[in-house]
Amino acid sequence: MALFKKRTAGKPGEWFYCLEHKKVEEGPDCPGKDRFGPYASRQEAQAAMETARERNLEWENDPRWHDASARGESDPD
């Protein structure tokens, strides 16, 4: 048991998406490892998982992140 527990206080109007509870929260109620945010609006926080999916697809298809040597392919030059 910790002697001092630091509670992170959120600013009014900050919204988070809790990955553990799968819900939108105003202020950081859950630990940082379990949440996405902060977001400026409740609607942005509600779309957090879809936004993450879209960004992951963009990164997976970005040629700057995938070079031939990382995939085990030989360089055509």
PDB file of N, CA and C in Angstrom:
ATOM      1  N   MET A   1       0.847  -1.180   0.000  1.00  0.00           N
ATOM      2  CA  MET A   1       0.000   0.000   0.000  1.00  0.00           C
ATOM      3  C   MET A   1       0.890   1.241   0.000  1.00  0.00           C
ATOM      4  N   ALA A   2       0.609   2.132  -0.884  1.00  0.00           N
ATOM      5  CA  ALA A   2       1.403   3.353  -0.997  1.00  0.00           C
ATOM      6  C   ALA A   2       1.021   4.332   0.110  1.00  0.00           C
ATOM      7  N   LEU A   3       2.023   5.023   0.599  1.00  0.00           N
ATOM      8  CA  LEU A   3       1.761   6.026   1.621  1.00  0.00           C
ATOM      9  C   LEU A   3       1.106   7.263   1.039  1.00  0.00           C
ATOM     10  N   PHE A   4       1.537   7.606  -0.170  1.00  0.00           N
ATOM     11  CA  PHE A   4       0.997   8.790  -0.824  1.00  0.00           C
ATOM     12  C   PHE A   4       0.449   8.386  -2.172  1.00  0.00           C
ATOM     13  N   LYS A   5      -0.785   8.684  -2.399  1.00  0.00           N
ATOM     14  CA  LYS A   5      -1.407   8.377  -3.680  1.00  0.00           C
ATOM     15  C   LYS A   5      -1.689   9.686  -4.387  1.00  0.00           C
ATOM     16  N   LYS A   6      -1.002   9.902  -5.490  1.00  0.00           N
ATOM     17  CA  LYS A   6      -1.178  11.147  -6.235  1.00  0.00           C
ATOM     18  C   LYS A   6      -2.405  11.015  -7.127  1.00  0.00           C
ATOM     19  N   ARG A   7      -3.343  11.862  -6.922  1.00  0.00           N
ATOM     20  CA  ARG A   7      -4.575  11.890  -7.733  1.00  0.00           C
ATOM     21  C   ARG A   7      -4.409  12.966  -8.776  1.00  0.00           C
ATOM     22  N   THR A   8      -4.521  12.575 -10.039  1.00  0.00           N
ATOM     23  CA  THR A   8      -4.408  13.537 -11.124  1.00  0.00           C
ATOM     24  C   THR A   8      -5.745  14.225 -11.306  1.00  0.00           C
ATOM     25  N   ALA A   9      -5.753  15.523 -11.137  1.00  0.00           N
ATOM     26  CA  ALA A   9      -6.981  16.286 -11.316  1.00  0.00           C
ATOM     27  C   ALA A   9      -7.081  16.764 -12.749  1.00  0.00           C
ATOM     28  N   GLY A  10      -8.232  16.569 -13.323  1.00  0.00           N
ATOM     29  CA  GLY A  10      -8.445  17.006 -14.695  1.00  0.00           C
ATOM     30  C   GLY A  10      -8.921  18.433 -14.752  1.00  0.00           C
ATOM     31  N   LYS A  11      -8.759  19.017 -15.909  1.00  0.00           N
ATOM     32  CA  LYS A  11      -9.264  20.367 -16.129  1.00  0.00           C
ATOM     33  C   LYS A  11     -10.715  20.263 -16.577  1.00  0.00           C
ATOM     34  N   PRO A  12     -11.528  21.230 -16.247  1.00  0.00           N
ATOM     35  CA  PRO A  12     -12.910  21.200 -16.709  1.00  0.00           C
ATOM     36  C   PRO A  12     -12.965  21.137 -18.231  1.00  0.00           C
ATOM     37  N   GLY A  13     -13.813  20.273 -18.726  1.00  0.00           N
ATOM     38  CA  GLY A  13     -13.973  20.152 -20.172  1.00  0.00           C
ATOM     39  C   GLY A  13     -13.038  19.162 -20.828  1.00  0.00           C
ATOM     40  N   GLU A  14     -12.183  18.476 -20.053  1.00  0.00           N
ATOM     41  CA  GLU A  14     -11.329  17.435 -20.623  1.00  0.00           C
ATOM     42  C   GLU A  14     -12.069  16.098 -20.584  1.00  0.00           C
ATOM     43  N   TRP A  15     -12.055  15.422 -21.711  1.00  0.00           N
ATOM     44  CA  TRP A  15     -12.744  14.149 -21.831  1.00  0.00           C
ATOM     45  C   TRP A  15     -11.741  13.055 -22.158  1.00  0.00           C
ATOM     46  N   PHE A  16     -11.974  11.870 -21.625  1.00  0.00           N
ATOM     47  CA  PHE A  16     -11.101  10.726 -21.820  1.00  0.00           C
ATOM     48  C   PHE A  16     -11.934   9.508 -22.194  1.00  0.00           C
ATOM     49  N   TYR A  17     -11.301   8.560 -22.889  1.00  0.00           N
ATOM     50  CA  TYR A  17     -11.945   7.278 -23.144  1.00  0.00           C
ATOM     51  C   TYR A  17     -11.205   6.242 -22.323  1.00  0.00           C
ATOM     52  N   CYS A  18     -11.899   5.563 -21.418  1.00  0.00           N
ATOM     53  CA  CYS A  18     -11.297   4.545 -20.565  1.00  0.00           C
ATOM     54  C   CYS A  18     -11.307   3.211 -21.299  1.00  0.00           C
ATOM     55  N   LEU A  19     -10.122   2.653 -21.505  1.00  0.00           N
ATOM     56  CA  LEU A  19      -9.983   1.380 -22.213  1.00  0.00           C
ATOM     57  C   LEU A  19     -10.441   0.202 -21.359  1.00  0.00           C
ATOM     58  N   GLU A  20     -10.341   0.324 -20.054  1.00  0.00           N
ATOM     59  CA  GLU A  20     -10.744  -0.766 -19.169  1.00  0.00           C
ATOM     60  C   GLU A  20     -12.269  -0.848 -19.046  1.00  0.00           C
ATOM     61  N   HIS A  21     -12.904   0.292 -18.834  1.00  0.00           N
ATOM     62  CA  HIS A  21     -14.359   0.323 -18.641  1.00  0.00           C
ATOM     63  C   HIS A  21     -15.130   0.517 -19.943  1.00  0.00           C
ATOM     64  N   LYS A  22     -14.393   0.861 -21.012  1.00  0.00           N
ATOM     65  CA  LYS A  22     -14.987   1.080 -22.340  1.00  0.00           C
ATOM     66  C   LYS A  22     -16.086   2.141 -22.289  1.00  0.00           C
ATOM     67  N   LYS A  23     -15.720   3.285 -21.666  1.00  0.00           N
ATOM     68  CA  LYS A  23     -16.681   4.381 -21.576  1.00  0.00           C
ATOM     69  C   LYS A  23     -15.958   5.716 -21.551  1.00  0.00           C
ATOM     70  N   VAL A  24     -16.717   6.757 -21.824  1.00  0.00           N
ATOM     71  CA  VAL A  24     -16.206   8.122 -21.818  1.00  0.00           C
ATOM     72  C   VAL A  24     -16.304   8.668 -20.404  1.00  0.00           C
ATOM     73  N   GLU A  25     -15.239   9.365 -19.985  1.00  0.00           N
ATOM     74  CA  GLU A  25     -15.212   9.953 -18.653  1.00  0.00           C
ATOM     75  C   GLU A  25     -14.795  11.409 -18.753  1.00  0.00           C
ATOM     76  N   GLU A  26     -15.400  12.239 -17.932  1.00  0.00           N
ATOM     77  CA  GLU A  26     -14.953  13.631 -17.852  1.00  0.00           C
ATOM     78  C   GLU A  26     -13.922  13.707 -16.743  1.00  0.00           C
ATOM     79  N   GLY A  27     -12.728  14.133 -17.114  1.00  0.00           N
ATOM     80  CA  GLY A  27     -11.620  14.145 -16.164  1.00  0.00           C
ATOM     81  C   GLY A  27     -10.962  12.775 -16.120  1.00  0.00           C
ATOM     82  N   PRO A  28      -9.710  12.733 -15.707  1.00  0.00           N
ATOM     83  CA  PRO A  28      -8.986  11.461 -15.702  1.00  0.00           C
ATOM     84  C   PRO A  28      -9.317  10.632 -14.457  1.00  0.00           C
ATOM     85  N   ASP A  29     -10.412   9.886 -14.495  1.00  0.00           N
ATOM     86  CA  ASP A  29     -10.793   9.049 -13.353  1.00  0.00           C
ATOM     87  C   ASP A  29      -9.933   7.793 -13.260  1.00  0.00           C
ATOM     88  N   CYS A  30      -9.522   7.254 -14.396  1.00  0.00           N
ATOM     89  CA  CYS A  30      -8.745   6.018 -14.420  1.00  0.00           C
ATOM     90  C   CYS A  30      -7.274   6.335 -14.682  1.00  0.00           C
ATOM     91  N   PRO A  31      -6.381   5.393 -14.369  1.00  0.00           N
ATOM     92  CA  PRO A  31      -4.945   5.618 -14.587  1.00  0.00           C
ATOM     93  C   PRO A  31      -4.626   5.876 -16.061  1.00  0.00           C
ATOM     94  N   GLY A  32      -3.555   6.601 -16.298  1.00  0.00           N
ATOM     95  CA  GLY A  32      -3.158   6.959 -17.652  1.00  0.00           C
ATOM     96  C   GLY A  32      -2.939   5.765 -18.557  1.00  0.00           C
ATOM     97  N   LYS A  33      -2.500   4.632 -18.013  1.00  0.00           N
ATOM     98  CA  LYS A  33      -2.254   3.447 -18.832  1.00  0.00           C
ATOM     99  C   LYS A  33      -3.555   2.855 -19.384  1.00  0.00           C
ATOM    100  N   ASP A  34      -4.685   3.252 -18.829  1.00  0.00           N
ATOM    101  CA  ASP A  34      -5.980   2.700 -19.221  1.00  0.00           C
ATOM    102  C   ASP A  34      -6.856   3.665 -19.992  1.00  0.00           C
ATOM    103  N   ARG A  35      -6.280   4.762 -20.490  1.00  0.00           N
ATOM    104  CA  ARG A  35      -7.166   5.741 -21.137  1.00  0.00           C
ATOM    105  C   ARG A  35      -6.512   6.410 -22.334  1.00  0.00           C
ATOM    106  N   PHE A  36      -7.358   6.908 -23.217  1.00  0.00           N
ATOM    107  CA  PHE A  36      -6.968   7.771 -24.324  1.00  0.00           C
ATOM    108  C   PHE A  36      -7.471   9.162 -23.984  1.00  0.00           C
ATOM    109  N   GLY A  37      -6.710  10.179 -24.368  1.00  0.00           N
ATOM    110  CA  GLY A  37      -7.165  11.538 -24.162  1.00  0.00           C
ATOM    111  C   GLY A  37      -6.058  12.409 -23.614  1.00  0.00           C
ATOM    112  N   PRO A  38      -6.322  13.633 -23.351  1.00  0.00           N
ATOM    113  CA  PRO A  38      -7.646  14.250 -23.274  1.00  0.00           C
ATOM    114  C   PRO A  38      -8.171  14.680 -24.648  1.00  0.00           C
ATOM    115  N   TYR A  39      -9.478  14.741 -24.719  1.00  0.00           N
ATOM    116  CA  TYR A  39     -10.184  15.231 -25.900  1.00  0.00           C
ATOM    117  C   TYR A  39     -10.945  16.496 -25.521  1.00  0.00           C
ATOM    118  N   ALA A  40     -11.193  17.328 -26.498  1.00  0.00           N
ATOM    119  CA  ALA A  40     -11.864  18.607 -26.252  1.00  0.00           C
ATOM    120  C   ALA A  40     -13.366  18.452 -26.050  1.00  0.00           C
ATOM    121  N   SER A  41     -13.936  17.348 -26.558  1.00  0.00           N
ATOM    122  CA  SER A  41     -15.385  17.179 -26.440  1.00  0.00           C
ATOM    123  C   SER A  41     -15.723  15.717 -26.141  1.00  0.00           C
ATOM    124  N   ARG A  42     -16.918  15.531 -25.640  1.00  0.00           N
ATOM    125  CA  ARG A  42     -17.414  14.180 -25.366  1.00  0.00           C
ATOM    126  C   ARG A  42     -17.481  13.358 -26.656  1.00  0.00           C
ATOM    127  N   GLN A  43     -17.885  13.992 -27.759  1.00  0.00           N
ATOM    128  CA  GLN A  43     -18.015  13.303 -29.035  1.00  0.00           C
ATOM    129  C   GLN A  43     -16.661  12.784 -29.536  1.00  0.00           C
ATOM    130  N   GLU A  44     -15.607  13.598 -29.369  1.00  0.00           N
ATOM    131  CA  GLU A  44     -14.269  13.153 -29.769  1.00  0.00           C
ATOM    132  C   GLU A  44     -13.838  11.948 -28.940  1.00  0.00           C
ATOM    133  N   ALA A  45     -14.123  11.974 -27.646  1.00  0.00           N
ATOM    134  CA  ALA A  45     -13.761  10.854 -26.781  1.00  0.00           C
ATOM    135  C   ALA A  45     -14.549   9.601 -27.144  1.00  0.00           C
ATOM    136  N   GLN A  46     -15.817   9.767 -27.527  1.00  0.00           N
ATOM    137  CA  GLN A  46     -16.632   8.619 -27.930  1.00  0.00           C
ATOM    138  C   GLN A  46     -16.085   7.966 -29.194  1.00  0.00           C
ATOM    139  N   ALA A  47     -15.437   8.743 -30.034  1.00  0.00           N
ATOM    140  CA  ALA A  47     -14.884   8.225 -31.286  1.00  0.00           C
ATOM    141  C   ALA A  47     -13.427   7.773 -31.140  1.00  0.00           C
ATOM    142  N   ALA A  48     -12.925   7.687 -29.925  1.00  0.00           N
ATOM    143  CA  ALA A  48     -11.505   7.392 -29.689  1.00  0.00           C
ATOM    144  C   ALA A  48     -11.070   6.074 -30.315  1.00  0.00           C
ATOM    145  N   MET A  49     -11.844   5.029 -30.176  1.00  0.00           N
ATOM    146  CA  MET A  49     -11.441   3.725 -30.713  1.00  0.00           C
ATOM    147  C   MET A  49     -11.446   3.733 -32.239  1.00  0.00           C
ATOM    148  N   GLU A  50     -12.404   4.377 -32.842  1.00  0.00           N
ATOM    149  CA  GLU A  50     -12.441   4.475 -34.307  1.00  0.00           C
ATOM    150  C   GLU A  50     -11.276   5.319 -34.815  1.00  0.00           C
ATOM    151  N   THR A  51     -10.980   6.405 -34.126  1.00  0.00           N
ATOM    152  CA  THR A  51      -9.837   7.246 -34.488  1.00  0.00           C
ATOM    153  C   THR A  51      -8.547   6.437 -34.404  1.00  0.00           C
ATOM    154  N   ALA A  52      -8.398   5.639 -33.349  1.00  0.00           N
ATOM    155  CA  ALA A  52      -7.202   4.804 -33.190  1.00  0.00           C
ATOM    156  C   ALA A  52      -7.107   3.779 -34.319  1.00  0.00           C
ATOM    157  N   ARG A  53      -8.230   3.153 -34.687  1.00  0.00           N
ATOM    158  CA  ARG A  53      -8.235   2.179 -35.795  1.00  0.00           C
ATOM    159  C   ARG A  53      -7.804   2.832 -37.101  1.00  0.00           C
ATOM    160  N   GLU A  54      -8.347   4.022 -37.376  1.00  0.00           N
ATOM    161  CA  GLU A  54      -7.990   4.737 -38.606  1.00  0.00           C
ATOM    162  C   GLU A  54      -6.511   5.098 -38.638  1.00  0.00           C
ATOM    163  N   ARG A  55      -5.990   5.576 -37.523  1.00  0.00           N
ATOM    164  CA  ARG A  55      -4.567   5.944 -37.461  1.00  0.00           C
ATOM    165  C   ARG A  55      -3.672   4.718 -37.599  1.00  0.00           C
ATOM    166  N   ASN A  56      -4.060   3.618 -36.992  1.00  0.00           N
ATOM    167  CA  ASN A  56      -3.266   2.392 -37.123  1.00  0.00           C
ATOM    168  C   ASN A  56      -3.209   1.929 -38.574  1.00  0.00           C
ATOM    169  N   LEU A  57      -4.323   2.010 -39.283  1.00  0.00           N
ATOM    170  CA  LEU A  57      -4.332   1.638 -40.702  1.00  0.00           C
ATOM    171  C   LEU A  57      -3.431   2.552 -41.518  1.00  0.00           C
ATOM    172  N   GLU A  58      -3.480   3.845 -41.232  1.00  0.00           N
ATOM    173  CA  GLU A  58      -2.606   4.789 -41.932  1.00  0.00           C
ATOM    174  C   GLU A  58      -1.141   4.439 -41.696  1.00  0.00           C
ATOM    175  N   TRP A  59      -0.779   4.147 -40.452  1.00  0.00           N
ATOM    176  CA  TRP A  59       0.615   3.830 -40.122  1.00  0.00           C
ATOM    177  C   TRP A  59       1.043   2.513 -40.751  1.00  0.00           C
ATOM    178  N   GLU A  60       0.147   1.522 -40.744  1.00  0.00           N
ATOM    179  CA  GLU A  60       0.475   0.226 -41.332  1.00  0.00           C
ATOM    180  C   GLU A  60       0.734   0.327 -42.832  1.00  0.00           C
ATOM    181  N   ASN A  61       0.098   1.285 -43.478  1.00  0.00           N
ATOM    182  CA  ASN A  61       0.239   1.439 -44.926  1.00  0.00           C
ATOM    183  C   ASN A  61       1.193   2.561 -45.324  1.00  0.00           C
ATOM    184  N   ASP A  62       1.859   3.157 -44.362  1.00  0.00           N
ATOM    185  CA  ASP A  62       2.791   4.243 -44.631  1.00  0.00           C
ATOM    186  C   ASP A  62       4.153   3.656 -45.005  1.00  0.00           C
ATOM    187  N   PRO A  63       4.634   3.905 -46.217  1.00  0.00           N
ATOM    188  CA  PRO A  63       5.909   3.311 -46.647  1.00  0.00           C
ATOM    189  C   PRO A  63       7.106   3.781 -45.826  1.00  0.00           C
ATOM    190  N   ARG A  64       6.996   4.914 -45.160  1.00  0.00           N
ATOM    191  CA  ARG A  64       8.107   5.382 -44.327  1.00  0.00           C
ATOM    192  C   ARG A  64       8.338   4.474 -43.120  1.00  0.00           C
ATOM    193  N   TRP A  65       7.318   3.725 -42.710  1.00  0.00           N
ATOM    194  CA  TRP A  65       7.440   2.845 -41.551  1.00  0.00           C
ATOM    195  C   TRP A  65       7.801   1.422 -41.934  1.00  0.00           C
ATOM    196  N   HIS A  66       7.734   1.109 -43.217  1.00  0.00           N
ATOM    197  CA  HIS A  66       7.978  -0.259 -43.652  1.00  0.00           C
ATOM    198  C   HIS A  66       8.991  -0.265 -44.783  1.00  0.00           C
ATOM    199  N   ASP A  67      10.237  -0.541 -44.469  1.00  0.00           N
ATOM    200  CA  ASP A  67      11.225  -0.645 -45.533  1.00  0.00           C
ATOM    201  C   ASP A  67      11.435  -2.118 -45.872  1.00  0.00           C
ATOM    202  N   ALA A  68      12.048  -2.378 -46.995  1.00  0.00           N
ATOM    203  CA  ALA A  68      12.219  -3.740 -47.498  1.00  0.00           C
ATOM    204  C   ALA A  68      13.042  -4.599 -46.538  1.00  0.00           C
ATOM    205  N   SER A  69      14.050  -4.039 -45.906  1.00  0.00           N
ATOM    206  CA  SER A  69      14.901  -4.827 -45.016  1.00  0.00           C
ATOM    207  C   SER A  69      14.143  -5.305 -43.780  1.00  0.00           C
ATOM    208  N   ALA A  70      13.179  -4.538 -43.325  1.00  0.00           N
ATOM    209  CA  ALA A  70      12.406  -4.934 -42.155  1.00  0.00           C
ATOM    210  C   ALA A  70      11.491  -6.112 -42.477  1.00  0.00           C
ATOM    211  N   ARG A  71      11.078  -6.244 -43.738  1.00  0.00           N
ATOM    212  CA  ARG A  71      10.207  -7.341 -44.151  1.00  0.00           C
ATOM    213  C   ARG A  71      11.002  -8.553 -44.626  1.00  0.00           C
ATOM    214  N   GLY A  72      12.318  -8.447 -44.644  1.00  0.00           N
ATOM    215  CA  GLY A  72      13.133  -9.560 -45.098  1.00  0.00           C
ATOM    216  C   GLY A  72      13.262  -9.650 -46.596  1.00  0.00           C
ATOM    217  N   GLU A  73      12.879  -8.604 -47.296  1.00  0.00           N
ATOM    218  CA  GLU A  73      12.978  -8.580 -48.751  1.00  0.00           C
ATOM    219  C   GLU A  73      14.342  -8.021 -49.146  1.00  0.00           C
ATOM    220  N   SER A  74      14.785  -8.429 -50.313  1.00  0.00           N
ATOM    221  CA  SER A  74      16.054  -7.884 -50.787  1.00  0.00           C
ATOM    222  C   SER A  74      15.811  -6.574 -51.516  1.00  0.00           C
ATOM    223  N   ASP A  75      16.809  -5.725 -51.499  1.00  0.00           N
ATOM    224  CA  ASP A  75      16.737  -4.422 -52.164  1.00  0.00           C
ATOM    225  C   ASP A  75      16.918  -4.635 -53.658  1.00  0.00           C
ATOM    226  N   PRO A  76      16.000  -4.123 -54.532  1.00  0.00           N
ATOM    227  CA  PRO A  76      16.082  -4.375 -55.968  1.00  0.00           C
ATOM    228  C   PRO A  76      17.269  -3.706 -56.649  1.00  0.00           C
ATOM    229  N   ASP A  77      18.004  -2.840 -55.981  1.00  0.00           N
ATOM    230  CA  ASP A  77      19.131  -2.149 -56.614  1.00  0.00           C
ATOM    231  C   ASP A  77      20.329  -3.022 -56.780  1.00  0.00           C
TER     232      ASP A  77
END
